[in-house]
Amino acid sequence: MSTRSVTTAIRVLEAVAELQPVGLSELARAVDVPKATVQRVLVTLEELQWIERAKRDGGKWSIAVHAYAVTSRGSSGSRIRDVAIGPLSALQLETGETIHLAVPDELRMVVIERLDTPHVLRAFLALGSRIPMHASATGLAFLAYSSDEFVSVYLQHPLGASTPDTMVDPQEVRAELQVIRSRGYSINPGGLSSGITAIGAALISRELGPVGSISVSGPSSRITPDKFEEYGTAVAATARQISMALPG
């Protein structure tokens, strides 16, 4: 394989990770490469189990579990997942909704584990998804327990709107972080995906401070306000259980 081919493959893989789930035409525009070339790269990456066709969204492409497993070996994210998987499984059984585990990567949260609900109508974030902190339950929970310096740096950046319900005013975000600290968990109705409500809590290492977050997510028609306290209490308790088991 030529150097140019390798470069193209890496660019396509990075674009899939950033845009997933994403179709062929959008990918070709993103990497500025002919569709026929991108299609060949996609087939190769699928054969190598780096990407997969989404079961929904018209067969668009997403990062495969294998890719996450390879890139996270030996990382702090992998260690957090190992500690968290048992309590997260119990939380999924208790709530019956989708559970996400995310860790920070610069100014975003990266989804490193997802436990799916049996419901057909569900929340879904692909493994490897990079989501804005201010727009997500996991990100808001993480920010709530981050240092003042980190929060200030984050809020100096433009706060893009993922939906009409995303908080984009820095002062509003600061006020919400104070509420989260007082309550112990975040509530994010429609801030990341319209019609989806998520409730999150931070994972806090004794030595390192916040190292990640967990959330329970589902359609707002099921996660209604009368369930916020019940699910919030469960998520916060699970986060404390995981935090106590974290090394360091």
Protein backbone atom coordinates (compact mmCIF):
# COMPACT_ATOMS: atom_id res chain seq x y z
CA MET A 1 0.00 0.00 0.00
CA SER A 2 1.39 3.41 -0.96
CA THR A 3 1.94 6.25 1.48
CA ARG A 4 -0.86 8.18 -0.21
CA SER A 5 -3.25 5.25 0.23
CA VAL A 6 -2.38 4.98 3.92
CA THR A 7 -2.91 8.71 4.37
CA THR A 8 -6.29 8.53 2.65
CA ALA A 9 -7.36 5.58 4.81
CA ILE A 10 -6.40 7.42 8.00
CA ARG A 11 -8.25 10.55 6.88
CA VAL A 12 -11.36 8.52 6.09
CA LEU A 13 -11.18 6.73 9.44
CA GLU A 14 -10.81 10.03 11.30
CA ALA A 15 -13.75 11.49 9.37
CA VAL A 16 -15.93 8.51 10.25
CA ALA A 17 -15.03 8.96 13.92
CA GLU A 18 -15.90 12.66 13.80
CA LEU A 19 -19.09 12.47 11.71
CA GLN A 20 -20.54 9.07 12.56
CA PRO A 21 -22.97 7.78 11.52
CA VAL A 22 -21.99 9.12 8.11
CA GLY A 23 -22.76 8.23 4.51
CA LEU A 24 -20.47 7.88 1.51
CA SER A 25 -21.26 11.22 -0.11
CA GLU A 26 -20.73 13.20 3.09
CA LEU A 27 -17.46 11.39 3.75
CA ALA A 28 -16.18 12.07 0.25
CA ARG A 29 -16.90 15.78 0.68
CA ALA A 30 -15.31 15.85 4.12
CA VAL A 31 -12.00 14.34 2.97
CA ASP A 32 -12.14 15.82 -0.56
CA VAL A 33 -11.54 12.44 -2.19
CA PRO A 34 -13.54 10.84 -5.04
CA LYS A 35 -16.45 8.69 -3.90
CA ALA A 36 -15.09 5.60 -5.66
CA THR A 37 -11.83 5.88 -3.72
CA VAL A 38 -13.62 6.44 -0.42
CA GLN A 39 -15.84 3.42 -1.10
CA ARG A 40 -12.79 1.19 -1.59
CA VAL A 41 -11.25 2.48 1.64
CA LEU A 42 -14.50 1.87 3.52
CA VAL A 43 -14.68 -1.73 2.32
CA THR A 44 -11.09 -2.33 3.44
CA LEU A 45 -11.64 -0.72 6.85
CA GLU A 46 -14.79 -2.81 7.29
CA GLU A 47 -12.90 -6.00 6.46
CA LEU A 48 -10.32 -5.04 9.10
CA GLN A 49 -13.17 -4.40 11.60
CA TRP A 50 -12.26 -0.74 12.14
CA ILE A 51 -15.66 0.47 10.95
CA GLU A 52 -19.13 -0.99 10.54
CA ARG A 53 -22.39 -0.17 8.83
CA ALA A 54 -24.92 1.30 11.22
CA LYS A 55 -27.96 -0.93 11.60
CA ARG A 56 -30.09 2.18 11.39
CA ASP A 57 -29.55 5.52 9.65
CA GLY A 58 -29.67 3.98 6.19
CA GLY A 59 -26.57 1.86 6.51
CA LYS A 60 -24.24 4.75 7.31
CA TRP A 61 -20.77 4.10 8.67
CA SER A 62 -19.63 4.15 12.30
CA ILE A 63 -16.50 3.24 14.22
CA ALA A 64 -16.53 -0.44 15.22
CA VAL A 65 -15.98 -1.76 18.73
CA HIS A 66 -12.69 -3.32 17.58
CA ALA A 67 -11.26 0.13 16.82
CA TYR A 68 -12.05 1.40 20.29
CA ALA A 69 -10.64 -1.75 21.88
CA VAL A 70 -7.33 -1.37 20.04
CA THR A 71 -6.89 2.34 20.70
CA SER A 72 -7.83 2.15 24.36
CA ARG A 73 -5.63 -0.77 25.43
CA GLY A 74 -3.59 0.26 28.43
CA SER A 75 -5.25 3.66 28.61
CA SER A 76 -6.93 5.17 31.64
CA GLY A 77 -10.24 4.88 29.78
CA SER A 78 -9.82 1.14 29.48
CA ARG A 79 -9.07 0.82 33.20
CA ILE A 80 -12.11 2.90 34.08
CA ARG A 81 -14.26 0.70 31.86
CA ASP A 82 -12.99 -2.44 33.55
CA VAL A 83 -13.96 -1.06 36.97
CA ALA A 84 -17.27 0.38 35.80
CA ILE A 85 -18.78 -2.41 33.71
CA GLY A 86 -20.30 -4.36 36.62
CA PRO A 87 -22.03 -1.42 38.33
CA LEU A 88 -23.14 -0.08 34.94
CA SER A 89 -24.75 -3.41 34.09
CA ALA A 90 -26.67 -3.28 37.37
CA LEU A 91 -27.75 0.30 36.63
CA GLN A 92 -28.99 -0.72 33.19
CA LEU A 93 -31.09 -3.51 34.71
CA GLU A 94 -32.46 -1.14 37.34
CA THR A 95 -33.49 1.63 34.95
CA GLY A 96 -34.13 -0.34 31.77
CA GLU A 97 -32.57 2.48 29.72
CA THR A 98 -29.35 3.01 27.78
CA ILE A 99 -26.24 3.58 29.87
CA HIS A 100 -23.22 5.52 28.60
CA LEU A 101 -19.70 5.79 30.02
CA ALA A 102 -17.61 8.70 28.78
CA VAL A 103 -14.17 10.11 29.49
CA PRO A 104 -12.73 13.55 28.70
CA ASP A 105 -10.58 14.19 25.66
CA GLU A 106 -9.48 17.82 25.54
CA LEU A 107 -12.76 19.78 25.48
CA ARG A 108 -15.11 16.91 24.64
CA MET A 109 -16.35 13.70 26.17
CA VAL A 110 -15.68 10.42 24.36
CA VAL A 111 -18.12 7.54 24.72
CA ILE A 112 -16.14 4.42 25.66
CA GLU A 113 -18.96 2.07 26.68
CA ARG A 114 -22.66 1.75 25.99
CA LEU A 115 -25.14 -0.70 27.47
CA ASP A 116 -28.29 -0.81 25.37
CA THR A 117 -31.90 -0.96 26.46
CA PRO A 118 -34.15 -3.66 25.00
CA HIS A 119 -36.63 -0.95 23.98
CA VAL A 120 -36.87 -0.32 20.23
CA LEU A 121 -37.09 3.44 20.84
CA ARG A 122 -33.83 4.29 22.55
CA ALA A 123 -30.96 6.72 23.00
CA PHE A 124 -27.90 5.87 20.92
CA LEU A 125 -24.36 7.22 20.83
CA ALA A 126 -21.80 5.20 18.90
CA LEU A 127 -18.66 4.11 20.72
CA GLY A 128 -15.98 6.70 20.07
CA SER A 129 -18.49 9.54 19.70
CA ARG A 130 -17.01 12.89 20.76
CA ILE A 131 -19.69 15.05 22.35
CA PRO A 132 -19.62 18.63 23.67
CA MET A 133 -19.39 18.90 27.43
CA HIS A 134 -21.91 21.71 27.79
CA ALA A 135 -24.49 19.87 25.65
CA SER A 136 -24.39 16.47 27.36
CA ALA A 137 -25.30 15.02 30.74
CA THR A 138 -21.91 13.33 31.04
CA GLY A 139 -20.09 16.52 30.10
CA LEU A 140 -22.05 18.75 32.46
CA ALA A 141 -21.46 16.32 35.31
CA PHE A 142 -17.75 16.29 34.51
CA LEU A 143 -17.58 20.10 34.33
CA ALA A 144 -19.41 20.43 37.64
CA TYR A 145 -16.52 18.78 39.48
CA SER A 146 -13.69 20.17 37.37
CA SER A 147 -11.39 22.95 38.53
CA ASP A 148 -12.45 26.56 38.17
CA GLU A 149 -9.54 27.04 35.78
CA PHE A 150 -10.69 24.25 33.47
CA VAL A 151 -14.29 25.48 33.49
CA SER A 152 -13.15 29.02 32.68
CA VAL A 153 -11.03 27.80 29.78
CA TYR A 154 -13.89 25.69 28.47
CA LEU A 155 -16.42 28.51 28.65
CA GLN A 156 -14.09 30.85 26.77
CA HIS A 157 -14.67 28.70 23.68
CA PRO A 158 -17.82 29.13 21.58
CA LEU A 159 -20.65 27.02 22.99
CA GLY A 160 -22.31 25.52 19.95
CA ALA A 161 -25.94 24.41 20.00
CA SER A 162 -26.56 20.72 19.30
CA THR A 163 -30.32 21.32 19.59
CA PRO A 164 -32.58 24.29 20.36
CA ASP A 165 -32.43 23.20 24.03
CA THR A 166 -28.63 23.30 24.38
CA MET A 167 -27.33 25.80 26.92
CA VAL A 168 -25.05 28.21 25.06
CA ASP A 169 -24.82 31.08 27.57
CA PRO A 170 -21.68 30.69 29.74
CA GLN A 171 -23.43 32.21 32.76
CA GLU A 172 -26.33 29.78 32.39
CA VAL A 173 -23.87 26.89 32.22
CA ARG A 174 -22.05 28.13 35.34
CA ALA A 175 -25.33 28.36 37.23
CA GLU A 176 -26.28 24.85 36.13
CA LEU A 177 -22.93 23.46 37.29
CA GLN A 178 -23.63 24.84 40.76
CA VAL A 179 -27.03 23.11 40.77
CA ILE A 180 -25.41 19.84 39.68
CA ARG A 181 -22.86 20.01 42.50
CA SER A 182 -25.63 20.63 45.01
CA ARG A 183 -27.88 17.89 43.63
CA GLY A 184 -25.19 15.34 42.82
CA TYR A 185 -26.23 14.64 39.23
CA SER A 186 -26.96 16.41 35.95
CA ILE A 187 -30.27 16.48 34.09
CA ASN A 188 -30.13 17.21 30.37
CA PRO A 189 -33.52 17.20 28.62
CA GLY A 190 -32.92 17.47 24.88
CA GLY A 191 -29.61 19.31 25.12
CA LEU A 192 -27.65 16.86 22.98
CA SER A 193 -30.39 15.14 20.98
CA SER A 194 -33.94 16.43 20.62
CA GLY A 195 -36.42 14.18 22.36
CA ILE A 196 -33.75 12.46 24.47
CA THR A 197 -33.27 13.09 28.19
CA ALA A 198 -30.10 12.02 29.99
CA ILE A 199 -29.14 12.07 33.65
CA GLY A 200 -25.43 11.92 34.50
CA ALA A 201 -22.96 11.78 37.36
CA ALA A 202 -19.21 12.25 37.54
CA LEU A 203 -16.61 9.61 38.33
CA ILE A 204 -14.13 11.12 40.77
CA SER A 205 -10.70 9.72 41.56
CA ARG A 206 -9.33 10.44 45.03
CA GLU A 207 -6.07 11.69 43.54
CA LEU A 208 -7.02 12.94 40.07
CA GLY A 209 -10.44 14.48 40.59
CA PRO A 210 -13.06 13.91 37.86
CA VAL A 211 -11.93 11.28 35.34
CA GLY A 212 -15.16 10.53 33.52
CA SER A 213 -18.93 10.36 33.80
CA ILE A 214 -21.82 7.97 33.41
CA SER A 215 -25.38 8.60 32.27
CA VAL A 216 -28.74 6.97 31.82
CA SER A 217 -30.41 8.11 28.60
CA GLY A 218 -33.72 7.54 26.91
CA PRO A 219 -36.65 9.13 25.12
CA SER A 220 -38.09 12.09 27.01
CA SER A 221 -41.46 10.34 26.78
CA ARG A 222 -40.10 7.67 29.15
CA ILE A 223 -37.61 9.63 31.24
CA THR A 224 -40.19 12.11 32.45
CA PRO A 225 -39.70 14.70 35.23
CA ASP A 226 -41.32 12.42 37.80
CA LYS A 227 -38.43 9.97 37.25
CA PHE A 228 -35.60 12.50 37.48
CA GLU A 229 -34.97 12.08 41.19
CA GLU A 230 -35.26 8.27 41.09
CA TYR A 231 -32.87 7.90 38.17
CA GLY A 232 -30.60 10.68 39.42
CA THR A 233 -30.23 9.00 42.80
CA ALA A 234 -29.44 5.68 41.09
CA VAL A 235 -26.90 7.22 38.71
CA ALA A 236 -25.19 9.15 41.51
CA ALA A 237 -25.00 6.04 43.70
CA THR A 238 -23.51 4.03 40.83
CA ALA A 239 -20.97 6.77 40.14
CA ARG A 240 -19.91 6.77 43.80
CA GLN A 241 -19.55 2.98 43.73
CA ILE A 242 -17.32 3.15 40.66
CA SER A 243 -15.34 6.10 42.02
CA MET A 244 -14.54 4.24 45.24
CA ALA A 245 -13.17 1.32 43.21
CA LEU A 246 -10.98 3.44 40.93
CA PRO A 247 -7.23 3.06 41.43
CA GLY A 248 -5.46 6.02 42.96
